[in-house]
């Protein structure tokens, strides 16, 4: 798939990391453009992930400008033994999707509202996210690309008061701009780290790269994207949401 604009030369390996667990993750709260601090488990996860990648030399380290992503990148890179003089480059283009009026509220309530918008039945006052998610997944036939687009556009449509959301096309354009800049800034190939968020990474993989993500990405997981400058295409090396780096780092 011909996606983001690139330069000449070789290949660039992008280690795409989901930030460590936060307080809102722990509480199952909606966390898009709002932020919360890393939990102790979250800190341990990104530290171990960093240890698992400590032998990888990185040209550059990029992160969403939300604090949970920046903190995760710094904690991970402090474990690195192969990169000298690194700094975290904050990019607002890598931010999480905004969830509008649902920011900070229960995840289950947001998905229940989306299900009802689609005319689907959900249990009254459901507090279990899976109960709200199941009919939506069935509605889209398991197609995550359609699900993500529909979900993001729903949040945009009902955000008539605050107007802090984006359409699916706007999210894609934002991610496209950020990735194009990263590729242009690393024309000689090599490795970069990119720390972002659960839905923005899924959006990137499904809408931009064409890879289906069948399950939510875990905190501190790594997905290796390889960009080929000659063909201007991406491929994924290994599994999406790989937790092996965290596991390896925990043993060091």
C-alpha atoms as a PDB file:
ATOM      1  CA  UNK A   1       0.000   0.000   0.000  1.00  0.00           C
ATOM      2  CA  UNK A   2       1.419   3.347  -1.078  1.00  0.00           C
ATOM      3  CA  UNK A   3       0.983   5.550   1.958  1.00  0.00           C
ATOM      4  CA  UNK A   4       3.137   8.220   3.538  1.00  0.00           C
ATOM      5  CA  UNK A   5       5.638  10.179   1.503  1.00  0.00           C
ATOM      6  CA  UNK A   6       9.241   9.147   2.036  1.00  0.00           C
ATOM      7  CA  UNK A   7      12.786   9.837   0.907  1.00  0.00           C
ATOM      8  CA  UNK A   8      15.401   7.786  -0.870  1.00  0.00           C
ATOM      9  CA  UNK A   9      17.791   5.260   0.662  1.00  0.00           C
ATOM     10  CA  UNK A  10      17.191   2.108   2.644  1.00  0.00           C
ATOM     11  CA  UNK A  11      14.660   1.006   5.233  1.00  0.00           C
ATOM     12  CA  UNK A  12      13.557   2.574   8.470  1.00  0.00           C
ATOM     13  CA  UNK A  13      12.453   0.380  11.371  1.00  0.00           C
ATOM     14  CA  UNK A  14       9.934   2.168  13.592  1.00  0.00           C
ATOM     15  CA  UNK A  15       9.444   0.658  17.038  1.00  0.00           C
ATOM     16  CA  UNK A  16       5.863   1.743  17.750  1.00  0.00           C
ATOM     17  CA  UNK A  17       5.211   1.586  21.505  1.00  0.00           C
ATOM     18  CA  UNK A  18       1.983   2.011  23.425  1.00  0.00           C
ATOM     19  CA  UNK A  19       2.582   4.056  26.593  1.00  0.00           C
ATOM     20  CA  UNK A  20       2.668   2.380  30.009  1.00  0.00           C
ATOM     21  CA  UNK A  21      -0.419   1.758  32.107  1.00  0.00           C
ATOM     22  CA  UNK A  22      -1.957   4.894  33.642  1.00  0.00           C
ATOM     23  CA  UNK A  23      -4.396   5.613  36.467  1.00  0.00           C
ATOM     24  CA  UNK A  24      -7.228   5.990  33.944  1.00  0.00           C
ATOM     25  CA  UNK A  25      -6.273   2.676  32.303  1.00  0.00           C
ATOM     26  CA  UNK A  26      -6.420   1.042  35.712  1.00  0.00           C
ATOM     27  CA  UNK A  27      -9.833   2.601  36.428  1.00  0.00           C
ATOM     28  CA  UNK A  28     -11.139   1.753  32.930  1.00  0.00           C
ATOM     29  CA  UNK A  29     -11.753   5.430  32.209  1.00  0.00           C
ATOM     30  CA  UNK A  30     -11.838   7.125  28.807  1.00  0.00           C
ATOM     31  CA  UNK A  31      -8.420   8.615  28.127  1.00  0.00           C
ATOM     32  CA  UNK A  32      -7.943  10.395  24.856  1.00  0.00           C
ATOM     33  CA  UNK A  33      -6.576  13.918  24.886  1.00  0.00           C
ATOM     34  CA  UNK A  34      -7.027  14.067  28.662  1.00  0.00           C
ATOM     35  CA  UNK A  35      -4.123  12.612  30.632  1.00  0.00           C
ATOM     36  CA  UNK A  36      -3.286  10.735  33.816  1.00  0.00           C
ATOM     37  CA  UNK A  37      -0.044   9.609  35.412  1.00  0.00           C
ATOM     38  CA  UNK A  38       1.629   6.235  35.003  1.00  0.00           C
ATOM     39  CA  UNK A  39       0.912   3.633  37.664  1.00  0.00           C
ATOM     40  CA  UNK A  40       3.707   1.697  39.353  1.00  0.00           C
ATOM     41  CA  UNK A  41       2.837  -1.203  37.065  1.00  0.00           C
ATOM     42  CA  UNK A  42       2.992   1.178  34.110  1.00  0.00           C
ATOM     43  CA  UNK A  43       6.423   2.434  35.115  1.00  0.00           C
ATOM     44  CA  UNK A  44       7.696  -1.110  35.554  1.00  0.00           C
ATOM     45  CA  UNK A  45       6.284  -2.093  32.165  1.00  0.00           C
ATOM     46  CA  UNK A  46       7.993   0.654  30.168  1.00  0.00           C
ATOM     47  CA  UNK A  47      11.251   0.228  32.096  1.00  0.00           C
ATOM     48  CA  UNK A  48      11.251  -3.483  31.277  1.00  0.00           C
ATOM     49  CA  UNK A  49      10.364  -2.747  27.665  1.00  0.00           C
ATOM     50  CA  UNK A  50      13.290  -0.331  27.530  1.00  0.00           C
ATOM     51  CA  UNK A  51      15.592  -2.982  28.949  1.00  0.00           C
ATOM     52  CA  UNK A  52      14.358  -5.402  26.287  1.00  0.00           C
ATOM     53  CA  UNK A  53      15.371  -2.848  23.650  1.00  0.00           C
ATOM     54  CA  UNK A  54      18.546  -1.643  25.353  1.00  0.00           C
ATOM     55  CA  UNK A  55      20.817  -2.998  22.622  1.00  0.00           C
ATOM     56  CA  UNK A  56      18.984  -1.214  19.798  1.00  0.00           C
ATOM     57  CA  UNK A  57      20.622   2.035  18.590  1.00  0.00           C
ATOM     58  CA  UNK A  58      17.969   4.642  17.829  1.00  0.00           C
ATOM     59  CA  UNK A  59      18.459   7.562  15.449  1.00  0.00           C
ATOM     60  CA  UNK A  60      15.663   9.449  17.194  1.00  0.00           C
ATOM     61  CA  UNK A  61      12.941   9.046  19.821  1.00  0.00           C
ATOM     62  CA  UNK A  62       9.466  10.416  19.077  1.00  0.00           C
ATOM     63  CA  UNK A  63       6.420  10.626  21.319  1.00  0.00           C
ATOM     64  CA  UNK A  64       2.968  12.109  21.392  1.00  0.00           C
ATOM     65  CA  UNK A  65       3.088  15.349  23.338  1.00  0.00           C
ATOM     66  CA  UNK A  66       0.737  13.925  25.990  1.00  0.00           C
ATOM     67  CA  UNK A  67       2.598  13.385  29.257  1.00  0.00           C
ATOM     68  CA  UNK A  68       1.944   9.659  29.553  1.00  0.00           C
ATOM     69  CA  UNK A  69       3.666   9.073  26.215  1.00  0.00           C
ATOM     70  CA  UNK A  70       6.597  11.407  26.891  1.00  0.00           C
ATOM     71  CA  UNK A  71       7.195   9.882  30.343  1.00  0.00           C
ATOM     72  CA  UNK A  72       7.063   6.374  28.877  1.00  0.00           C
ATOM     73  CA  UNK A  73       9.610   7.259  26.193  1.00  0.00           C
ATOM     74  CA  UNK A  74      12.023   8.762  28.717  1.00  0.00           C
ATOM     75  CA  UNK A  75      11.742   5.856  31.142  1.00  0.00           C
ATOM     76  CA  UNK A  76      12.345   3.365  28.337  1.00  0.00           C
ATOM     77  CA  UNK A  77      15.310   5.200  26.841  1.00  0.00           C
ATOM     78  CA  UNK A  78      17.035   5.567  30.209  1.00  0.00           C
ATOM     79  CA  UNK A  79      17.606   1.816  29.960  1.00  0.00           C
ATOM     80  CA  UNK A  80      19.185   2.003  26.520  1.00  0.00           C
ATOM     81  CA  UNK A  81      22.911   1.230  26.193  1.00  0.00           C
ATOM     82  CA  UNK A  82      23.286   1.695  22.442  1.00  0.00           C
ATOM     83  CA  UNK A  83      22.026   5.265  21.941  1.00  0.00           C
ATOM     84  CA  UNK A  84      24.031   8.330  22.908  1.00  0.00           C
ATOM     85  CA  UNK A  85      22.700  11.838  23.519  1.00  0.00           C
ATOM     86  CA  UNK A  86      19.051  11.045  22.893  1.00  0.00           C
ATOM     87  CA  UNK A  87      16.155  13.400  23.501  1.00  0.00           C
ATOM     88  CA  UNK A  88      12.406  12.858  23.208  1.00  0.00           C
ATOM     89  CA  UNK A  89      10.931  14.744  20.270  1.00  0.00           C
ATOM     90  CA  UNK A  90       7.326  15.596  21.119  1.00  0.00           C
ATOM     91  CA  UNK A  91       4.902  15.482  18.199  1.00  0.00           C
ATOM     92  CA  UNK A  92       1.263  16.535  18.648  1.00  0.00           C
ATOM     93  CA  UNK A  93       0.476  14.650  15.428  1.00  0.00           C
ATOM     94  CA  UNK A  94       0.908  11.401  17.394  1.00  0.00           C
ATOM     95  CA  UNK A  95      -1.692  12.278  20.048  1.00  0.00           C
ATOM     96  CA  UNK A  96      -4.498   9.954  20.962  1.00  0.00           C
ATOM     97  CA  UNK A  97      -7.909  10.424  19.396  1.00  0.00           C
ATOM     98  CA  UNK A  98     -10.152  12.834  21.305  1.00  0.00           C
ATOM     99  CA  UNK A  99     -13.246  11.226  22.796  1.00  0.00           C
ATOM    100  CA  UNK A 100     -15.063  14.504  23.255  1.00  0.00           C
ATOM    101  CA  UNK A 101     -17.860  14.507  25.832  1.00  0.00           C
ATOM    102  CA  UNK A 102     -16.792  11.082  27.114  1.00  0.00           C
ATOM    103  CA  UNK A 103     -13.289  12.134  28.197  1.00  0.00           C
ATOM    104  CA  UNK A 104     -12.612  10.972  31.759  1.00  0.00           C
ATOM    105  CA  UNK A 105     -15.817   8.941  32.031  1.00  0.00           C
ATOM    106  CA  UNK A 106     -16.314   5.148  32.093  1.00  0.00           C
ATOM    107  CA  UNK A 107     -15.306   3.334  28.907  1.00  0.00           C
ATOM    108  CA  UNK A 108     -18.398   1.161  29.154  1.00  0.00           C
ATOM    109  CA  UNK A 109     -20.711   4.208  29.040  1.00  0.00           C
ATOM    110  CA  UNK A 110     -19.023   5.535  25.908  1.00  0.00           C
ATOM    111  CA  UNK A 111     -19.340   2.257  24.041  1.00  0.00           C
ATOM    112  CA  UNK A 112     -22.909   1.793  25.257  1.00  0.00           C
ATOM    113  CA  UNK A 113     -23.778   5.228  23.838  1.00  0.00           C
ATOM    114  CA  UNK A 114     -22.166   4.296  20.514  1.00  0.00           C
ATOM    115  CA  UNK A 115     -24.095   1.016  20.414  1.00  0.00           C
ATOM    116  CA  UNK A 116     -27.369   2.821  21.051  1.00  0.00           C
ATOM    117  CA  UNK A 117     -26.513   5.329  18.323  1.00  0.00           C
ATOM    118  CA  UNK A 118     -26.206   2.397  15.925  1.00  0.00           C
ATOM    119  CA  UNK A 119     -29.609   1.120  17.064  1.00  0.00           C
ATOM    120  CA  UNK A 120     -28.148  -1.835  18.947  1.00  0.00           C
ATOM    121  CA  UNK A 121     -29.367  -3.226  22.246  1.00  0.00           C
ATOM    122  CA  UNK A 122     -27.106  -2.910  25.257  1.00  0.00           C
ATOM    123  CA  UNK A 123     -27.906  -3.831  28.868  1.00  0.00           C
ATOM    124  CA  UNK A 124     -29.234  -0.947  30.948  1.00  0.00           C
ATOM    125  CA  UNK A 125     -26.581   0.743  33.100  1.00  0.00           C
ATOM    126  CA  UNK A 126     -23.906  -1.644  31.876  1.00  0.00           C
ATOM    127  CA  UNK A 127     -20.592  -1.293  33.680  1.00  0.00           C
ATOM    128  CA  UNK A 128     -18.788  -4.044  31.764  1.00  0.00           C
ATOM    129  CA  UNK A 129     -17.051  -2.802  28.652  1.00  0.00           C
ATOM    130  CA  UNK A 130     -17.309  -6.180  26.884  1.00  0.00           C
ATOM    131  CA  UNK A 131     -21.106  -6.116  27.246  1.00  0.00           C
ATOM    132  CA  UNK A 132     -21.239  -2.794  25.422  1.00  0.00           C
ATOM    133  CA  UNK A 133     -18.583  -3.733  22.854  1.00  0.00           C
ATOM    134  CA  UNK A 134     -19.965  -7.115  21.754  1.00  0.00           C
ATOM    135  CA  UNK A 135     -22.955  -5.877  19.724  1.00  0.00           C
ATOM    136  CA  UNK A 136     -20.785  -3.233  18.047  1.00  0.00           C
ATOM    137  CA  UNK A 137     -18.166  -5.766  16.984  1.00  0.00           C
ATOM    138  CA  UNK A 138     -20.949  -7.949  15.573  1.00  0.00           C
ATOM    139  CA  UNK A 139     -22.476  -4.965  13.788  1.00  0.00           C
ATOM    140  CA  UNK A 140     -19.234  -4.331  11.907  1.00  0.00           C
ATOM    141  CA  UNK A 141     -18.633  -8.013  11.242  1.00  0.00           C
ATOM    142  CA  UNK A 142     -15.311  -7.873  13.067  1.00  0.00           C
ATOM    143  CA  UNK A 143     -13.913  -5.344  10.582  1.00  0.00           C
ATOM    144  CA  UNK A 144     -11.706  -3.148  12.790  1.00  0.00           C
ATOM    145  CA  UNK A 145     -11.110  -0.548  10.085  1.00  0.00           C
ATOM    146  CA  UNK A 146     -14.856   0.088   9.759  1.00  0.00           C
ATOM    147  CA  UNK A 147     -15.290  -0.034  13.527  1.00  0.00           C
ATOM    148  CA  UNK A 148     -12.585   2.572  14.170  1.00  0.00           C
ATOM    149  CA  UNK A 149     -13.879   4.916  11.470  1.00  0.00           C
ATOM    150  CA  UNK A 150     -17.463   4.623  12.695  1.00  0.00           C
ATOM    151  CA  UNK A 151     -16.470   5.100  16.320  1.00  0.00           C
ATOM    152  CA  UNK A 152     -14.331   8.193  15.679  1.00  0.00           C
ATOM    153  CA  UNK A 153     -16.920   9.778  13.385  1.00  0.00           C
ATOM    154  CA  UNK A 154     -19.624   9.144  16.015  1.00  0.00           C
ATOM    155  CA  UNK A 155     -17.658  11.096  18.618  1.00  0.00           C
ATOM    156  CA  UNK A 156     -17.183  13.924  16.125  1.00  0.00           C
ATOM    157  CA  UNK A 157     -20.879  14.034  15.234  1.00  0.00           C
ATOM    158  CA  UNK A 158     -22.173  14.326  18.795  1.00  0.00           C
ATOM    159  CA  UNK A 159     -19.504  16.793  19.946  1.00  0.00           C
ATOM    160  CA  UNK A 160     -21.604  19.849  19.121  1.00  0.00           C
ATOM    161  CA  UNK A 161     -20.794  21.866  22.252  1.00  0.00           C
ATOM    162  CA  UNK A 162     -17.066  21.535  22.927  1.00  0.00           C
ATOM    163  CA  UNK A 163     -15.852  20.787  19.394  1.00  0.00           C
ATOM    164  CA  UNK A 164     -12.650  19.088  20.533  1.00  0.00           C
ATOM    165  CA  UNK A 165     -12.945  15.974  18.349  1.00  0.00           C
ATOM    166  CA  UNK A 166     -11.781  14.974  14.862  1.00  0.00           C
ATOM    167  CA  UNK A 167     -13.328  12.932  12.099  1.00  0.00           C
ATOM    168  CA  UNK A 168     -11.645   9.716  11.004  1.00  0.00           C
ATOM    169  CA  UNK A 169     -10.283  11.527   7.941  1.00  0.00           C
ATOM    170  CA  UNK A 170      -8.843  14.282  10.121  1.00  0.00           C
ATOM    171  CA  UNK A 171      -7.161  11.750  12.412  1.00  0.00           C
ATOM    172  CA  UNK A 172      -5.639  10.002   9.419  1.00  0.00           C
ATOM    173  CA  UNK A 173      -4.363  13.289   7.969  1.00  0.00           C
ATOM    174  CA  UNK A 174      -2.780  14.181  11.311  1.00  0.00           C
ATOM    175  CA  UNK A 175      -1.036  10.817  11.604  1.00  0.00           C
ATOM    176  CA  UNK A 176       0.019  11.023   7.967  1.00  0.00           C
ATOM    177  CA  UNK A 177       1.675  14.377   8.554  1.00  0.00           C
ATOM    178  CA  UNK A 178       3.543  13.109  11.630  1.00  0.00           C
ATOM    179  CA  UNK A 179       4.759   9.936   9.965  1.00  0.00           C
ATOM    180  CA  UNK A 180       5.824  11.782   6.817  1.00  0.00           C
ATOM    181  CA  UNK A 181       7.952  14.098   8.953  1.00  0.00           C
ATOM    182  CA  UNK A 182       9.544  11.172  10.802  1.00  0.00           C
ATOM    183  CA  UNK A 183      10.442   9.465   7.537  1.00  0.00           C
ATOM    184  CA  UNK A 184      11.848  12.673   6.034  1.00  0.00           C
ATOM    185  CA  UNK A 185      13.954  13.290   9.158  1.00  0.00           C
ATOM    186  CA  UNK A 186      15.580   9.849   8.896  1.00  0.00           C
ATOM    187  CA  UNK A 187      16.513   9.478   5.219  1.00  0.00           C
ATOM    188  CA  UNK A 188      19.379   7.063   5.835  1.00  0.00           C
ATOM    189  CA  UNK A 189      17.318   4.330   7.467  1.00  0.00           C
ATOM    190  CA  UNK A 190      18.094   2.819  10.852  1.00  0.00           C
ATOM    191  CA  UNK A 191      15.812   2.660  13.892  1.00  0.00           C
ATOM    192  CA  UNK A 192      13.495   5.108  15.631  1.00  0.00           C
ATOM    193  CA  UNK A 193      11.220   4.745  18.647  1.00  0.00           C
ATOM    194  CA  UNK A 194       7.686   6.117  18.477  1.00  0.00           C
ATOM    195  CA  UNK A 195       5.552   6.188  21.640  1.00  0.00           C
ATOM    196  CA  UNK A 196       1.846   6.758  21.141  1.00  0.00           C
ATOM    197  CA  UNK A 197      -1.579   5.496  22.218  1.00  0.00           C
ATOM    198  CA  UNK A 198      -3.912   2.538  21.901  1.00  0.00           C
ATOM    199  CA  UNK A 199      -6.432   3.838  19.374  1.00  0.00           C
ATOM    200  CA  UNK A 200      -4.052   6.080  17.446  1.00  0.00           C
ATOM    201  CA  UNK A 201      -1.728   3.105  16.897  1.00  0.00           C
ATOM    202  CA  UNK A 202      -4.641   0.882  15.846  1.00  0.00           C
ATOM    203  CA  UNK A 203      -5.811   3.654  13.534  1.00  0.00           C
ATOM    204  CA  UNK A 204      -2.332   3.866  12.050  1.00  0.00           C
ATOM    205  CA  UNK A 205      -2.051   0.110  11.522  1.00  0.00           C
ATOM    206  CA  UNK A 206      -5.528  -0.405  10.071  1.00  0.00           C
ATOM    207  CA  UNK A 207      -6.139   2.778   8.101  1.00  0.00           C
ATOM    208  CA  UNK A 208      -2.603   3.568   7.001  1.00  0.00           C
ATOM    209  CA  UNK A 209      -0.722   0.291   6.830  1.00  0.00           C
ATOM    210  CA  UNK A 210      -3.644  -2.021   6.105  1.00  0.00           C
ATOM    211  CA  UNK A 211      -3.026  -4.400   9.006  1.00  0.00           C
ATOM    212  CA  UNK A 212      -6.000  -5.590  11.036  1.00  0.00           C
ATOM    213  CA  UNK A 213      -5.677  -5.453  14.817  1.00  0.00           C
ATOM    214  CA  UNK A 214      -7.960  -8.086  16.329  1.00  0.00           C
ATOM    215  CA  UNK A 215      -7.448  -7.209  20.001  1.00  0.00           C
ATOM    216  CA  UNK A 216      -6.581  -4.079  22.004  1.00  0.00           C
ATOM    217  CA  UNK A 217      -2.851  -3.388  22.183  1.00  0.00           C
ATOM    218  CA  UNK A 218      -1.418  -3.854  25.658  1.00  0.00           C
ATOM    219  CA  UNK A 219       0.380  -1.097  27.516  1.00  0.00           C
ATOM    220  CA  UNK A 220       4.155  -1.079  26.818  1.00  0.00           C
ATOM    221  CA  UNK A 221       3.708  -3.345  23.787  1.00  0.00           C
ATOM    222  CA  UNK A 222       5.877  -2.891  20.688  1.00  0.00           C
ATOM    223  CA  UNK A 223       4.907  -3.130  17.027  1.00  0.00           C
ATOM    224  CA  UNK A 224       7.787  -3.020  14.532  1.00  0.00           C
ATOM    225  CA  UNK A 225       6.938  -1.129  11.362  1.00  0.00           C
ATOM    226  CA  UNK A 226       9.450  -1.282   8.541  1.00  0.00           C
ATOM    227  CA  UNK A 227       9.290   1.476   5.941  1.00  0.00           C
ATOM    228  CA  UNK A 228      10.876   0.821   2.544  1.00  0.00           C
ATOM    229  CA  UNK A 229      11.992   4.084   0.958  1.00  0.00           C
ATOM    230  CA  UNK A 230      12.205   2.619  -2.545  1.00  0.00           C
ATOM    231  CA  UNK A 231       8.667   1.254  -2.698  1.00  0.00           C
ATOM    232  CA  UNK A 232       7.193   3.764  -0.197  1.00  0.00           C
ATOM    233  CA  UNK A 233       5.418   0.947   1.598  1.00  0.00           C
ATOM    234  CA  UNK A 234       5.202  -0.376   5.147  1.00  0.00           C
ATOM    235  CA  UNK A 235       5.374  -3.905   6.441  1.00  0.00           C
ATOM    236  CA  UNK A 236       5.124  -5.268   9.962  1.00  0.00           C
ATOM    237  CA  UNK A 237       7.951  -7.371  11.319  1.00  0.00           C
ATOM    238  CA  UNK A 238       6.722  -9.789  13.969  1.00  0.00           C
ATOM    239  CA  UNK A 239       3.376  -9.583  15.787  1.00  0.00           C
ATOM    240  CA  UNK A 240       1.436  -6.388  16.399  1.00  0.00           C
ATOM    241  CA  UNK A 241       1.464  -5.486  20.088  1.00  0.00           C
ATOM    242  CA  UNK A 242       4.484  -7.649  20.891  1.00  0.00           C
ATOM    243  CA  UNK A 243       5.051  -8.063  24.638  1.00  0.00           C
ATOM    244  CA  UNK A 244       8.261 -10.079  24.286  1.00  0.00           C
ATOM    245  CA  UNK A 245      10.453  -7.017  24.908  1.00  0.00           C
ATOM    246  CA  UNK A 246       8.738  -6.400  28.232  1.00  0.00           C
ATOM    247  CA  UNK A 247       9.121 -10.056  29.147  1.00  0.00           C
ATOM    248  CA  UNK A 248      12.781 -10.119  28.152  1.00  0.00           C
ATOM    249  CA  UNK A 249      13.513  -6.936  30.071  1.00  0.00           C
ATOM    250  CA  UNK A 250      11.872  -8.322  33.206  1.00  0.00           C
ATOM    251  CA  UNK A 251      14.483 -11.082  33.255  1.00  0.00           C
ATOM    252  CA  UNK A 252      17.462  -8.706  33.112  1.00  0.00           C
END
